[in-house]
N, C-alpha and C. Protein backbone atom coordinates (compact mmCIF):
# COMPACT_ATOMS: atom_id res chain seq x y z
N MET A 1 0.85 -1.17 0.00
CA MET A 1 0.00 0.00 0.00
C MET A 1 0.89 1.24 0.00
N ALA A 2 0.67 2.11 -0.92
CA ALA A 2 1.47 3.33 -1.04
C ALA A 2 0.78 4.49 -0.33
N ILE A 3 1.58 5.33 0.29
CA ILE A 3 1.06 6.52 0.95
C ILE A 3 1.27 7.70 0.01
N THR A 4 0.20 8.45 -0.23
CA THR A 4 0.27 9.61 -1.11
C THR A 4 0.06 10.86 -0.28
N ARG A 5 0.95 11.82 -0.47
CA ARG A 5 0.83 13.09 0.25
C ARG A 5 -0.29 13.91 -0.39
N TRP A 6 -1.21 14.41 0.42
CA TRP A 6 -2.33 15.21 -0.06
C TRP A 6 -1.97 16.68 0.01
N ASN A 7 -2.14 17.36 -1.10
CA ASN A 7 -1.88 18.78 -1.15
C ASN A 7 -3.17 19.49 -1.53
N PRO A 8 -3.87 20.11 -0.57
CA PRO A 8 -5.15 20.74 -0.88
C PRO A 8 -5.02 21.88 -1.89
N PHE A 9 -3.86 22.53 -1.94
CA PHE A 9 -3.69 23.63 -2.88
C PHE A 9 -3.67 23.14 -4.32
N SER A 10 -3.18 21.93 -4.56
CA SER A 10 -3.17 21.42 -5.93
C SER A 10 -4.59 21.22 -6.43
N GLU A 11 -5.49 20.79 -5.54
CA GLU A 11 -6.89 20.65 -5.95
C GLU A 11 -7.50 22.01 -6.25
N PHE A 12 -7.15 23.02 -5.46
CA PHE A 12 -7.65 24.37 -5.70
C PHE A 12 -7.13 24.89 -7.04
N GLU A 13 -5.83 24.66 -7.33
CA GLU A 13 -5.26 25.10 -8.61
C GLU A 13 -5.95 24.40 -9.78
N ASP A 14 -6.29 23.12 -9.61
CA ASP A 14 -6.97 22.37 -10.65
C ASP A 14 -8.35 22.98 -10.92
N ILE A 15 -9.08 23.30 -9.86
CA ILE A 15 -10.40 23.91 -10.02
C ILE A 15 -10.27 25.27 -10.71
N LEU A 16 -9.29 26.05 -10.30
CA LEU A 16 -9.07 27.37 -10.90
C LEU A 16 -8.69 27.25 -12.38
N ASP A 17 -7.84 26.28 -12.73
CA ASP A 17 -7.48 26.05 -14.13
C ASP A 17 -8.70 25.68 -14.96
N ARG A 18 -9.55 24.78 -14.44
CA ARG A 18 -10.76 24.40 -15.17
C ARG A 18 -11.69 25.60 -15.35
N TYR A 19 -11.81 26.43 -14.32
CA TYR A 19 -12.64 27.63 -14.40
C TYR A 19 -12.10 28.59 -15.46
N ASN A 20 -10.80 28.82 -15.47
CA ASN A 20 -10.20 29.71 -16.47
C ASN A 20 -10.39 29.18 -17.88
N ARG A 21 -10.24 27.85 -18.06
CA ARG A 21 -10.46 27.27 -19.38
C ARG A 21 -11.90 27.42 -19.83
N SER A 22 -12.83 27.29 -18.88
CA SER A 22 -14.24 27.43 -19.25
C SER A 22 -14.54 28.86 -19.67
N LEU A 23 -13.89 29.84 -19.06
CA LEU A 23 -14.08 31.23 -19.47
C LEU A 23 -13.51 31.47 -20.85
N GLN A 24 -12.37 30.87 -21.14
CA GLN A 24 -11.77 31.04 -22.46
C GLN A 24 -12.68 30.45 -23.54
N GLY A 25 -13.33 29.35 -23.23
CA GLY A 25 -14.24 28.74 -24.19
C GLY A 25 -15.47 29.58 -24.43
N GLN A 26 -15.83 30.45 -23.49
CA GLN A 26 -17.01 31.30 -23.61
C GLN A 26 -16.64 32.74 -23.91
N SER A 27 -15.51 32.95 -24.57
CA SER A 27 -15.04 34.31 -24.79
C SER A 27 -15.86 35.04 -25.85
N ARG A 28 -16.62 34.31 -26.64
CA ARG A 28 -17.43 34.97 -27.66
C ARG A 28 -18.80 35.31 -27.09
N VAL A 29 -19.19 36.55 -27.27
CA VAL A 29 -20.48 37.01 -26.78
C VAL A 29 -21.21 37.65 -27.93
N SER A 30 -22.47 37.31 -28.12
CA SER A 30 -23.24 37.89 -29.19
C SER A 30 -23.84 39.21 -28.74
N GLU A 31 -23.67 40.24 -29.57
CA GLU A 31 -24.19 41.55 -29.23
C GLU A 31 -24.85 42.11 -30.48
N ASN A 32 -26.19 42.23 -30.45
CA ASN A 32 -26.95 42.72 -31.61
C ASN A 32 -26.67 41.90 -32.86
N GLY A 33 -26.57 40.58 -32.69
CA GLY A 33 -26.36 39.70 -33.82
C GLY A 33 -24.93 39.66 -34.33
N LYS A 34 -24.03 40.42 -33.72
CA LYS A 34 -22.63 40.43 -34.14
C LYS A 34 -21.78 39.73 -33.10
N GLU A 35 -20.75 39.08 -33.56
CA GLU A 35 -19.84 38.37 -32.66
C GLU A 35 -18.81 39.36 -32.09
N VAL A 36 -18.70 39.38 -30.79
CA VAL A 36 -17.75 40.26 -30.12
C VAL A 36 -16.81 39.39 -29.30
N ILE A 37 -15.53 39.69 -29.33
CA ILE A 37 -14.55 38.93 -28.56
C ILE A 37 -14.17 39.75 -27.34
N ARG A 38 -14.31 39.16 -26.16
CA ARG A 38 -13.87 39.84 -24.93
C ARG A 38 -12.39 39.64 -24.77
N LYS A 39 -11.72 40.69 -24.31
CA LYS A 39 -10.29 40.57 -24.03
C LYS A 39 -10.14 39.81 -22.72
N ALA A 40 -9.25 38.83 -22.71
CA ALA A 40 -9.00 38.04 -21.51
C ALA A 40 -7.51 37.78 -21.39
N ASP A 41 -7.04 37.66 -20.18
CA ASP A 41 -5.66 37.25 -19.98
C ASP A 41 -5.54 35.81 -20.43
N TRP A 42 -4.36 35.43 -20.80
CA TRP A 42 -4.18 34.05 -21.23
C TRP A 42 -3.03 33.42 -20.49
N ALA A 43 -3.07 32.14 -20.42
CA ALA A 43 -2.00 31.35 -19.82
C ALA A 43 -1.80 30.13 -20.70
N PRO A 44 -0.57 29.82 -21.03
CA PRO A 44 -0.34 28.67 -21.90
C PRO A 44 -0.75 27.36 -21.21
N ALA A 45 -1.26 26.44 -22.01
CA ALA A 45 -1.60 25.12 -21.50
C ALA A 45 -0.31 24.38 -21.15
N VAL A 46 -0.35 23.62 -20.05
CA VAL A 46 0.85 22.95 -19.55
C VAL A 46 0.52 21.50 -19.22
N ASP A 47 1.42 20.59 -19.58
CA ASP A 47 1.36 19.19 -19.17
C ASP A 47 2.53 18.93 -18.24
N ILE A 48 2.28 18.26 -17.12
CA ILE A 48 3.34 17.90 -16.19
C ILE A 48 3.32 16.38 -16.02
N THR A 49 4.46 15.75 -16.30
CA THR A 49 4.58 14.31 -16.13
C THR A 49 5.77 14.01 -15.24
N GLU A 50 5.81 12.78 -14.74
CA GLU A 50 6.87 12.38 -13.82
C GLU A 50 7.41 11.02 -14.21
N THR A 51 8.73 10.91 -14.17
CA THR A 51 9.40 9.62 -14.33
C THR A 51 10.18 9.36 -13.05
N LYS A 52 10.90 8.25 -13.00
CA LYS A 52 11.72 7.96 -11.82
C LYS A 52 12.85 8.97 -11.65
N GLU A 53 13.33 9.53 -12.78
CA GLU A 53 14.50 10.41 -12.73
C GLU A 53 14.14 11.89 -12.71
N ALA A 54 12.95 12.28 -13.23
CA ALA A 54 12.69 13.72 -13.40
C ALA A 54 11.21 14.02 -13.53
N PHE A 55 10.89 15.31 -13.40
CA PHE A 55 9.59 15.85 -13.75
C PHE A 55 9.76 16.51 -15.10
N LEU A 56 8.74 16.43 -15.94
CA LEU A 56 8.78 17.03 -17.27
C LEU A 56 7.61 17.98 -17.40
N ILE A 57 7.89 19.24 -17.72
CA ILE A 57 6.85 20.24 -17.92
C ILE A 57 6.89 20.67 -19.38
N LYS A 58 5.74 20.57 -20.06
CA LYS A 58 5.64 21.01 -21.45
C LYS A 58 4.58 22.10 -21.52
N ALA A 59 4.98 23.27 -22.01
CA ALA A 59 4.08 24.41 -22.13
C ALA A 59 3.90 24.76 -23.59
N GLU A 60 2.65 24.94 -24.01
CA GLU A 60 2.35 25.31 -25.39
C GLU A 60 2.50 26.82 -25.55
N LEU A 61 3.42 27.23 -26.41
CA LEU A 61 3.68 28.65 -26.63
C LEU A 61 3.75 28.96 -28.13
N PRO A 62 2.73 28.57 -28.90
CA PRO A 62 2.81 28.82 -30.34
C PRO A 62 2.84 30.32 -30.64
N GLY A 63 3.70 30.69 -31.56
CA GLY A 63 3.79 32.08 -31.96
C GLY A 63 4.57 32.97 -31.01
N VAL A 64 5.18 32.38 -29.98
CA VAL A 64 5.97 33.15 -29.02
C VAL A 64 7.43 32.99 -29.37
N ASP A 65 8.12 34.10 -29.58
CA ASP A 65 9.56 34.07 -29.86
C ASP A 65 10.29 33.59 -28.62
N LYS A 66 11.26 32.70 -28.79
CA LYS A 66 11.98 32.16 -27.62
C LYS A 66 12.69 33.26 -26.84
N ASN A 67 13.01 34.38 -27.48
CA ASN A 67 13.65 35.49 -26.79
C ASN A 67 12.67 36.25 -25.89
N HIS A 68 11.39 35.96 -26.02
CA HIS A 68 10.37 36.61 -25.19
C HIS A 68 9.88 35.69 -24.07
N VAL A 69 10.62 34.61 -23.81
CA VAL A 69 10.25 33.65 -22.76
C VAL A 69 11.34 33.64 -21.70
N LYS A 70 10.94 33.72 -20.43
CA LYS A 70 11.88 33.64 -19.31
C LYS A 70 11.44 32.51 -18.39
N VAL A 71 12.41 31.72 -17.96
CA VAL A 71 12.17 30.66 -16.98
C VAL A 71 13.08 30.95 -15.80
N ALA A 72 12.50 30.97 -14.59
CA ALA A 72 13.29 31.28 -13.40
C ALA A 72 12.83 30.40 -12.24
N VAL A 73 13.75 30.15 -11.31
CA VAL A 73 13.44 29.44 -10.08
C VAL A 73 13.87 30.33 -8.92
N HIS A 74 12.93 30.54 -7.99
CA HIS A 74 13.24 31.37 -6.82
C HIS A 74 12.47 30.83 -5.63
N GLU A 75 13.21 30.46 -4.59
CA GLU A 75 12.64 29.96 -3.33
C GLU A 75 11.63 28.83 -3.56
N GLY A 76 12.02 27.87 -4.41
CA GLY A 76 11.20 26.69 -4.61
C GLY A 76 10.02 26.88 -5.55
N VAL A 77 9.97 27.99 -6.28
CA VAL A 77 8.88 28.24 -7.23
C VAL A 77 9.48 28.43 -8.62
N LEU A 78 8.99 27.63 -9.57
CA LEU A 78 9.39 27.74 -10.97
C LEU A 78 8.41 28.67 -11.67
N SER A 79 8.93 29.68 -12.36
CA SER A 79 8.08 30.64 -13.08
C SER A 79 8.41 30.63 -14.56
N ILE A 80 7.36 30.64 -15.37
CA ILE A 80 7.49 30.77 -16.81
C ILE A 80 6.76 32.06 -17.17
N GLN A 81 7.47 32.98 -17.78
CA GLN A 81 6.87 34.26 -18.16
C GLN A 81 7.24 34.57 -19.59
N GLY A 82 6.40 35.36 -20.23
CA GLY A 82 6.71 35.76 -21.60
C GLY A 82 5.64 36.64 -22.18
N GLU A 83 5.73 36.79 -23.49
CA GLU A 83 4.77 37.64 -24.17
C GLU A 83 4.64 37.20 -25.62
N ARG A 84 3.39 37.16 -26.08
CA ARG A 84 3.11 36.93 -27.50
C ARG A 84 2.64 38.28 -28.05
N LYS A 85 3.40 38.80 -29.01
CA LYS A 85 3.13 40.13 -29.53
C LYS A 85 2.16 40.05 -30.70
N LEU A 86 1.25 41.02 -30.74
CA LEU A 86 0.29 41.13 -31.82
C LEU A 86 0.95 41.77 -33.03
N GLU A 87 0.72 41.19 -34.20
CA GLU A 87 1.25 41.78 -35.43
C GLU A 87 0.59 43.13 -35.66
N LYS A 88 1.38 44.10 -36.05
CA LYS A 88 0.85 45.44 -36.32
C LYS A 88 0.35 45.50 -37.76
N GLU A 89 -0.72 46.27 -37.94
CA GLU A 89 -1.22 46.47 -39.30
C GLU A 89 -0.22 47.31 -40.07
N GLU A 90 0.09 46.87 -41.27
CA GLU A 90 1.07 47.57 -42.09
C GLU A 90 0.47 47.83 -43.47
N GLY A 91 0.58 49.06 -43.92
CA GLY A 91 0.16 49.42 -45.28
C GLY A 91 -1.26 49.02 -45.59
N ASP A 92 -1.41 48.15 -46.60
CA ASP A 92 -2.74 47.74 -47.03
C ASP A 92 -3.26 46.51 -46.29
N LYS A 93 -2.54 46.05 -45.30
CA LYS A 93 -2.95 44.86 -44.53
C LYS A 93 -3.74 45.30 -43.30
N LYS A 94 -4.92 44.71 -43.11
CA LYS A 94 -5.69 45.01 -41.90
C LYS A 94 -6.31 43.72 -41.37
N HIS A 95 -6.50 43.66 -40.06
CA HIS A 95 -7.05 42.47 -39.41
C HIS A 95 -8.58 42.53 -39.45
N HIS A 96 -9.20 41.43 -39.87
CA HIS A 96 -10.66 41.34 -39.85
C HIS A 96 -11.15 40.59 -38.63
N ARG A 97 -10.32 39.70 -38.11
CA ARG A 97 -10.71 38.94 -36.93
C ARG A 97 -9.44 38.53 -36.19
N VAL A 98 -9.42 38.71 -34.88
CA VAL A 98 -8.30 38.31 -34.04
C VAL A 98 -8.88 37.49 -32.89
N GLU A 99 -8.67 36.18 -32.92
CA GLU A 99 -9.23 35.31 -31.88
C GLU A 99 -8.17 34.73 -30.96
N ARG A 100 -6.90 34.77 -31.36
CA ARG A 100 -5.86 34.24 -30.50
C ARG A 100 -5.53 35.25 -29.41
N PHE A 101 -5.03 34.77 -28.28
CA PHE A 101 -4.68 35.62 -27.17
C PHE A 101 -3.28 36.19 -27.36
N TYR A 102 -3.14 37.46 -27.03
CA TYR A 102 -1.86 38.14 -27.14
C TYR A 102 -1.58 38.86 -25.84
N GLY A 103 -0.32 39.20 -25.66
CA GLY A 103 0.08 39.93 -24.47
C GLY A 103 0.95 39.08 -23.57
N ALA A 104 1.14 39.58 -22.36
CA ALA A 104 2.01 38.90 -21.40
C ALA A 104 1.30 37.71 -20.77
N PHE A 105 2.08 36.71 -20.38
CA PHE A 105 1.54 35.56 -19.66
C PHE A 105 2.53 35.18 -18.56
N ALA A 106 2.04 34.46 -17.58
CA ALA A 106 2.89 33.95 -16.50
C ALA A 106 2.24 32.70 -15.92
N ARG A 107 3.06 31.71 -15.65
CA ARG A 107 2.65 30.49 -14.95
C ARG A 107 3.69 30.22 -13.88
N SER A 108 3.26 29.79 -12.71
CA SER A 108 4.18 29.47 -11.61
C SER A 108 3.80 28.13 -11.01
N PHE A 109 4.81 27.38 -10.60
CA PHE A 109 4.62 26.05 -10.03
C PHE A 109 5.52 25.89 -8.82
N THR A 110 4.96 25.43 -7.72
CA THR A 110 5.75 25.12 -6.54
C THR A 110 6.45 23.79 -6.78
N LEU A 111 7.76 23.79 -6.59
CA LEU A 111 8.53 22.58 -6.85
C LEU A 111 8.51 21.65 -5.66
N PRO A 112 8.46 20.34 -5.91
CA PRO A 112 8.58 19.38 -4.82
C PRO A 112 9.97 19.46 -4.18
N ASP A 113 10.09 18.93 -2.98
CA ASP A 113 11.36 18.96 -2.25
C ASP A 113 12.46 18.17 -2.95
N ASN A 114 12.08 17.20 -3.77
CA ASN A 114 13.09 16.34 -4.38
C ASN A 114 13.55 16.79 -5.76
N VAL A 115 13.39 18.08 -6.09
CA VAL A 115 13.87 18.60 -7.37
C VAL A 115 15.18 19.34 -7.16
N ASP A 116 16.15 19.05 -8.02
CA ASP A 116 17.44 19.73 -8.00
C ASP A 116 17.28 21.06 -8.75
N GLU A 117 17.12 22.15 -8.01
CA GLU A 117 16.88 23.47 -8.62
C GLU A 117 18.05 23.94 -9.48
N ASN A 118 19.22 23.38 -9.26
CA ASN A 118 20.40 23.78 -10.03
C ASN A 118 20.60 22.94 -11.29
N ASN A 119 19.71 21.99 -11.52
CA ASN A 119 19.84 21.10 -12.67
C ASN A 119 18.52 21.03 -13.43
N ILE A 120 18.09 22.17 -13.97
CA ILE A 120 16.86 22.23 -14.76
C ILE A 120 17.27 22.56 -16.19
N ARG A 121 16.80 21.73 -17.12
CA ARG A 121 17.13 21.95 -18.53
C ARG A 121 15.89 22.44 -19.27
N ALA A 122 16.10 23.39 -20.19
CA ALA A 122 15.01 23.95 -20.98
C ALA A 122 15.31 23.79 -22.46
N GLU A 123 14.27 23.45 -23.21
CA GLU A 123 14.38 23.32 -24.67
C GLU A 123 13.13 23.93 -25.28
N TYR A 124 13.29 24.65 -26.36
CA TYR A 124 12.15 25.28 -27.03
C TYR A 124 12.17 24.90 -28.50
N ARG A 125 11.15 24.15 -28.92
CA ARG A 125 11.08 23.68 -30.30
C ARG A 125 9.63 23.60 -30.74
N ASP A 126 9.35 24.11 -31.94
CA ASP A 126 8.02 24.04 -32.55
C ASP A 126 6.92 24.60 -31.64
N GLY A 127 7.23 25.67 -30.92
CA GLY A 127 6.23 26.30 -30.06
C GLY A 127 5.97 25.59 -28.75
N ILE A 128 6.80 24.61 -28.42
CA ILE A 128 6.64 23.87 -27.16
C ILE A 128 7.89 24.10 -26.31
N LEU A 129 7.68 24.63 -25.10
CA LEU A 129 8.76 24.79 -24.13
C LEU A 129 8.76 23.53 -23.27
N THR A 130 9.89 22.82 -23.24
CA THR A 130 10.02 21.60 -22.46
C THR A 130 11.06 21.84 -21.37
N LEU A 131 10.65 21.63 -20.12
CA LEU A 131 11.55 21.78 -18.98
C LEU A 131 11.71 20.41 -18.33
N GLN A 132 12.95 20.03 -18.10
CA GLN A 132 13.24 18.77 -17.40
C GLN A 132 13.83 19.12 -16.05
N LEU A 133 13.12 18.72 -14.99
CA LEU A 133 13.53 19.00 -13.62
C LEU A 133 14.02 17.71 -13.00
N THR A 134 15.33 17.59 -12.86
CA THR A 134 15.95 16.37 -12.36
C THR A 134 15.64 16.19 -10.87
N LYS A 135 15.34 14.95 -10.51
CA LYS A 135 15.07 14.63 -9.10
C LYS A 135 16.37 14.33 -8.37
N VAL A 136 16.36 14.61 -7.08
CA VAL A 136 17.46 14.22 -6.20
C VAL A 136 16.86 13.40 -5.07
N GLU A 137 17.71 12.61 -4.45
CA GLU A 137 17.23 11.80 -3.33
C GLU A 137 17.02 12.70 -2.13
N LYS A 138 15.87 12.54 -1.49
CA LYS A 138 15.57 13.35 -0.31
C LYS A 138 16.55 13.01 0.81
N ALA A 139 16.91 14.04 1.56
CA ALA A 139 17.80 13.83 2.70
C ALA A 139 17.04 13.04 3.77
N GLN A 140 17.68 12.00 4.23
CA GLN A 140 17.07 11.16 5.27
C GLN A 140 17.39 11.75 6.64
N PRO A 141 16.44 11.70 7.56
CA PRO A 141 16.72 12.22 8.90
C PRO A 141 17.82 11.37 9.56
N LYS A 142 18.69 12.05 10.27
CA LYS A 142 19.80 11.37 10.94
C LYS A 142 19.50 11.26 12.43
N ALA A 143 19.79 10.10 12.96
CA ALA A 143 19.64 9.89 14.40
C ALA A 143 20.96 10.26 15.07
N ILE A 144 20.88 11.00 16.15
CA ILE A 144 22.07 11.40 16.88
C ILE A 144 22.02 10.73 18.24
N GLU A 145 23.06 10.00 18.52
CA GLU A 145 23.11 9.28 19.79
C GLU A 145 23.51 10.23 20.89
N ILE A 146 22.80 10.14 21.99
CA ILE A 146 23.08 10.98 23.16
C ILE A 146 23.82 10.15 24.18
N ASN A 147 24.98 10.64 24.58
CA ASN A 147 25.75 9.96 25.61
C ASN A 147 25.33 10.48 26.99
N VAL A 148 25.07 9.54 27.89
CA VAL A 148 24.70 9.92 29.26
C VAL A 148 25.93 9.74 30.14
N GLN A 149 26.26 10.79 30.87
CA GLN A 149 27.45 10.70 31.74
C GLN A 149 27.06 10.82 33.19
């Protein structure tokens, strides 16, 4: 029988993610028979998987220049930040419909105790940011013998 650590905040984050996705799906509002798009903040979709050796985080960032993406670790929190810039209208080119999200984004994840914060690898290919977070063995508590004199 395996013991699983319960983290109530992860359930809250899951509920919040589902709520945000549901809002994104309802971003179109009909107004006088015309389709109107509400401006909303966006956050890239992320998959997190685990192997025996590492955690793997894959974030979808299509259309984001790799120079506009920052990955940082501070006090046990991994942050992914960046920006997808909107193309400017030039000359005879004009936008008739813009449905993709643009602007700044940020995602943060609390790292487990067994992640080596100094050994995180990042790769960006085909609009997918892949982070590999190597695991380390947790420090075992040490027993200290007390001498009675």
